[in-house]
Structures are given as structure tokens and as C-alpha cells.
Amino acid sequence: MTDILLLTTGGTIDKLYFDALSEYQVGDSVVGRLLAIARVSLKVREQGLMRKDSLEITEEDRAAIVKAVLSAPESRIVITHGTDTMSDTARALVDAGVVAAGKTVALVGALSPARFAESDASFNLGMGFAAVQVAAPGVWVAMNGTVFPGDHVRKDRAAGTFVTC
């Protein structure tokens, strides 16, 4: 059995930009490579659910995320997610009874793509992995060096950070 399930949904962490004037694309997930670079020794099962900007995630997509979490044999789950609607998905997971199911879930993302040299992606991913190993069952958002309760967090677009609400 694996130690941690890593669910990928897309978001900025996996975005590709071809030049300053072009549109972005959500590419193949890079989180497996980030874990290899970090020499993560835990057994990780990676499952790609979707490759979407979080503004494109629908209620049906959120239901698929909830189903994947609740049906997973793993109790510790990290989800990569776009930051714009990360708190909506966190609340959906809380409402779905993740705590009662004994799951510890951390949502992580990035404010700049992992492929950029000065990205926050690796740090946030590491925070998510740490959070699911030590936090109580529940839903957490690991961003900007802080682990927030999933139902009490929002993105402050003006500040470019997450804050408790």
C-alpha cells in the first residue's frame, strides 16, 4: 500500500507558457519530477484526475475529486489544484465528510508555474506532504508557508497570498 495519494487536477503549478504574448496551457503534471528532485522516499501513488485551470473546474469536477478522495484506500492525500477556486474545492471536501472518513487531505498549488525558476510550487508541495503526515484528519490548504483549515481560507488576489477567513 502507498503512503500518500497524490491527485493532480491542473492549475498554475502545471501551466506552460510559450512566450510572453501567448496563451497558457495546462500541461502534463510536473509534480512527480518535483518529488524525485526532492528525494521523497515515501511510497506515492499519483493519479491524474484532470488538467484544468481552477476557474474551469465545475461542480461535476469537484464531485469527481470528492469521490476520488473518499474511495481511495490511502488516508493521506495531497491534491494539486489551481489557486483561484482551491478554497471552493476544500469546502466541498469538508462538506463531503472527509474528517468522518478518517482522511487527511492537503490542497496545494502555485502562484507561478513549477517550470519557472522562482516558483513557489516545490515549497507548497513539500508543505502539503508534511501536512498530511502530521495534521489531524481533515482538509487543509498548504500555501505560502502556512497550513490553513480548508473551510476557513481564501485567496487574497490583491496580496497574492492566502488568508484565514
Protein backbone atom coordinates (compact mmCIF):
# COMPACT_ATOMS: atom_id res chain seq x y z
CA MET A 1 0.00 0.00 0.00
CA THR A 2 1.19 3.51 -0.72
CA ASP A 3 1.85 6.08 1.98
CA ILE A 4 0.30 9.05 0.16
CA LEU A 5 -2.05 9.50 -2.76
CA LEU A 6 -1.21 12.46 -5.00
CA LEU A 7 -4.17 13.65 -7.05
CA THR A 8 -3.44 16.16 -9.81
CA THR A 9 -6.07 18.48 -11.24
CA GLY A 10 -4.01 21.05 -13.13
CA GLY A 11 -3.77 24.70 -12.19
CA THR A 12 -0.85 27.10 -12.37
CA ILE A 13 1.53 24.52 -10.89
CA ASP A 14 1.36 22.67 -14.25
CA LYS A 15 0.94 25.59 -16.65
CA LEU A 16 3.07 26.02 -19.75
CA TYR A 17 3.78 29.40 -21.30
CA PHE A 18 5.38 29.52 -24.70
CA ASP A 19 6.23 33.23 -24.70
CA ALA A 20 5.07 36.43 -23.03
CA LEU A 21 2.34 37.06 -25.59
CA SER A 22 0.89 33.57 -25.87
CA GLU A 23 -1.93 31.82 -24.09
CA TYR A 24 -1.04 29.28 -21.45
CA GLN A 25 -1.82 25.58 -21.50
CA VAL A 26 -2.10 23.23 -18.56
CA GLY A 27 0.48 20.62 -19.42
CA ASP A 28 1.38 17.22 -18.07
CA SER A 29 1.88 17.29 -14.33
CA VAL A 30 5.42 18.01 -13.15
CA VAL A 31 4.85 17.03 -9.53
CA GLY A 32 6.35 13.57 -9.96
CA ARG A 33 9.57 15.20 -11.13
CA LEU A 34 9.47 17.65 -8.21
CA LEU A 35 9.16 14.72 -5.79
CA ALA A 36 12.10 12.97 -7.45
CA ILE A 37 14.23 16.13 -7.19
CA ALA A 38 13.29 16.40 -3.50
CA ARG A 39 14.24 12.73 -3.00
CA VAL A 40 10.88 11.89 -1.44
CA SER A 41 11.23 8.36 -0.11
CA LEU A 42 7.60 7.72 0.75
CA LYS A 43 5.56 5.44 -1.48
CA VAL A 44 3.39 7.78 -3.54
CA ARG A 45 0.61 6.83 -5.90
CA GLU A 46 -0.01 9.58 -8.44
CA GLN A 47 -3.41 9.84 -10.12
CA GLY A 48 -4.28 12.49 -12.69
CA LEU A 49 -7.92 13.49 -12.43
CA MET A 50 -7.97 16.44 -14.83
CA ARG A 51 -5.78 19.13 -16.35
CA LYS A 52 -7.72 22.34 -15.86
CA ASP A 53 -7.30 25.89 -14.72
CA SER A 54 -9.24 26.06 -11.47
CA LEU A 55 -11.59 28.68 -12.94
CA GLU A 56 -12.73 25.93 -15.34
CA ILE A 57 -13.42 23.36 -12.60
CA THR A 58 -17.14 22.56 -12.45
CA GLU A 59 -19.28 21.14 -9.67
CA GLU A 60 -19.10 17.80 -11.52
CA ASP A 61 -15.29 18.03 -11.39
CA ARG A 62 -15.44 18.77 -7.66
CA ALA A 63 -17.70 15.74 -7.21
CA ALA A 64 -15.07 13.63 -9.02
CA ILE A 65 -12.38 14.96 -6.67
CA VAL A 66 -14.54 14.15 -3.64
CA LYS A 67 -15.25 10.65 -4.98
CA ALA A 68 -11.54 10.01 -5.62
CA VAL A 69 -10.67 11.08 -2.07
CA LEU A 70 -13.41 9.13 -0.33
CA SER A 71 -12.88 5.96 -2.38
CA ALA A 72 -9.07 5.95 -2.09
CA PRO A 73 -7.53 3.27 0.11
CA GLU A 74 -4.98 5.86 1.29
CA SER A 75 -5.84 8.03 4.28
CA ARG A 76 -3.27 10.73 3.42
CA ILE A 77 -3.92 12.62 0.20
CA VAL A 78 -2.27 15.63 -1.45
CA ILE A 79 -4.19 17.38 -4.23
CA THR A 80 -2.60 19.81 -6.67
CA HIS A 81 -5.15 22.46 -7.60
CA GLY A 82 -5.33 25.90 -9.14
CA THR A 83 -5.40 28.65 -6.56
CA ASP A 84 -8.42 30.67 -7.74
CA THR A 85 -11.01 28.09 -6.63
CA MET A 86 -8.91 25.95 -4.30
CA SER A 87 -10.95 27.08 -1.28
CA ASP A 88 -14.20 26.05 -3.03
CA THR A 89 -12.88 22.52 -3.53
CA ALA A 90 -11.59 22.44 0.06
CA ARG A 91 -15.05 23.34 1.34
CA ALA A 92 -16.65 20.68 -0.88
CA LEU A 93 -14.33 18.09 0.64
CA VAL A 94 -15.14 19.26 4.19
CA ASP A 95 -18.88 19.13 3.42
CA ALA A 96 -18.49 15.62 1.98
CA GLY A 97 -17.31 14.21 5.32
CA VAL A 98 -13.59 13.78 4.82
CA VAL A 99 -12.99 14.00 8.57
CA ALA A 100 -15.54 11.28 9.35
CA ALA A 101 -13.85 9.11 6.71
CA GLY A 102 -10.53 9.47 8.56
CA LYS A 103 -8.81 11.21 5.62
CA THR A 104 -6.14 13.88 5.93
CA VAL A 105 -6.15 15.95 2.75
CA ALA A 106 -3.93 18.88 1.76
CA LEU A 107 -4.60 21.01 -1.28
CA VAL A 108 -1.55 22.72 -2.76
CA GLY A 109 -0.88 24.90 -5.75
CA ALA A 110 1.38 27.62 -7.01
CA LEU A 111 1.13 31.30 -7.82
CA SER A 112 3.69 30.78 -10.59
CA PRO A 113 4.23 27.64 -12.68
CA ALA A 114 6.55 24.95 -11.35
CA ARG A 115 8.53 25.24 -14.57
CA PHE A 116 9.56 28.81 -13.59
CA ALA A 117 12.84 29.15 -11.70
CA GLU A 118 11.32 31.29 -8.94
CA SER A 119 8.14 29.28 -8.43
CA ASP A 120 6.58 28.57 -5.06
CA ALA A 121 5.41 25.16 -6.33
CA SER A 122 8.10 22.95 -4.75
CA PHE A 123 7.77 24.61 -1.37
CA ASN A 124 3.98 24.35 -1.35
CA LEU A 125 4.11 20.72 -2.47
CA GLY A 126 6.53 19.95 0.35
CA MET A 127 4.25 21.72 2.83
CA GLY A 128 1.35 19.57 1.63
CA PHE A 129 3.33 16.37 2.07
CA ALA A 130 4.36 17.43 5.57
CA ALA A 131 0.81 18.46 6.47
CA VAL A 132 -0.79 15.12 5.59
CA GLN A 133 1.80 13.31 7.70
CA VAL A 134 1.30 15.32 10.88
CA ALA A 135 -2.10 17.02 10.75
CA ALA A 136 -5.29 15.56 12.16
CA PRO A 137 -7.83 14.13 9.73
CA GLY A 138 -9.44 16.96 7.84
CA VAL A 139 -8.97 19.21 4.86
CA TRP A 140 -6.04 21.62 4.80
CA VAL A 141 -4.70 24.18 2.33
CA ALA A 142 -0.90 24.40 2.32
CA MET A 143 0.15 27.66 0.68
CA ASN A 144 2.61 30.46 1.39
CA GLY A 145 4.32 28.68 4.29
CA THR A 146 1.06 28.25 6.20
CA VAL A 147 -1.32 25.34 6.65
CA PHE A 148 -4.88 26.67 6.74
CA PRO A 149 -8.07 24.83 7.74
CA GLY A 150 -9.79 24.08 4.43
CA ASP A 151 -13.09 25.66 5.41
CA HIS A 152 -11.54 28.89 6.73
CA VAL A 153 -9.27 30.08 3.94
CA ARG A 154 -9.50 32.28 0.88
CA LYS A 155 -7.16 33.64 -1.75
CA ASP A 156 -6.39 37.35 -1.44
CA ARG A 157 -5.75 38.18 -5.09
CA ALA A 158 -4.50 41.71 -4.34
CA ALA A 159 -1.86 40.45 -1.91
CA GLY A 160 -1.05 37.32 -3.93
CA THR A 161 -1.42 35.10 -0.87
CA PHE A 162 -3.90 33.03 1.11
CA VAL A 163 -5.52 34.31 4.30
CA THR A 164 -7.75 32.94 7.03
CA CYS A 165 -11.40 33.91 6.77
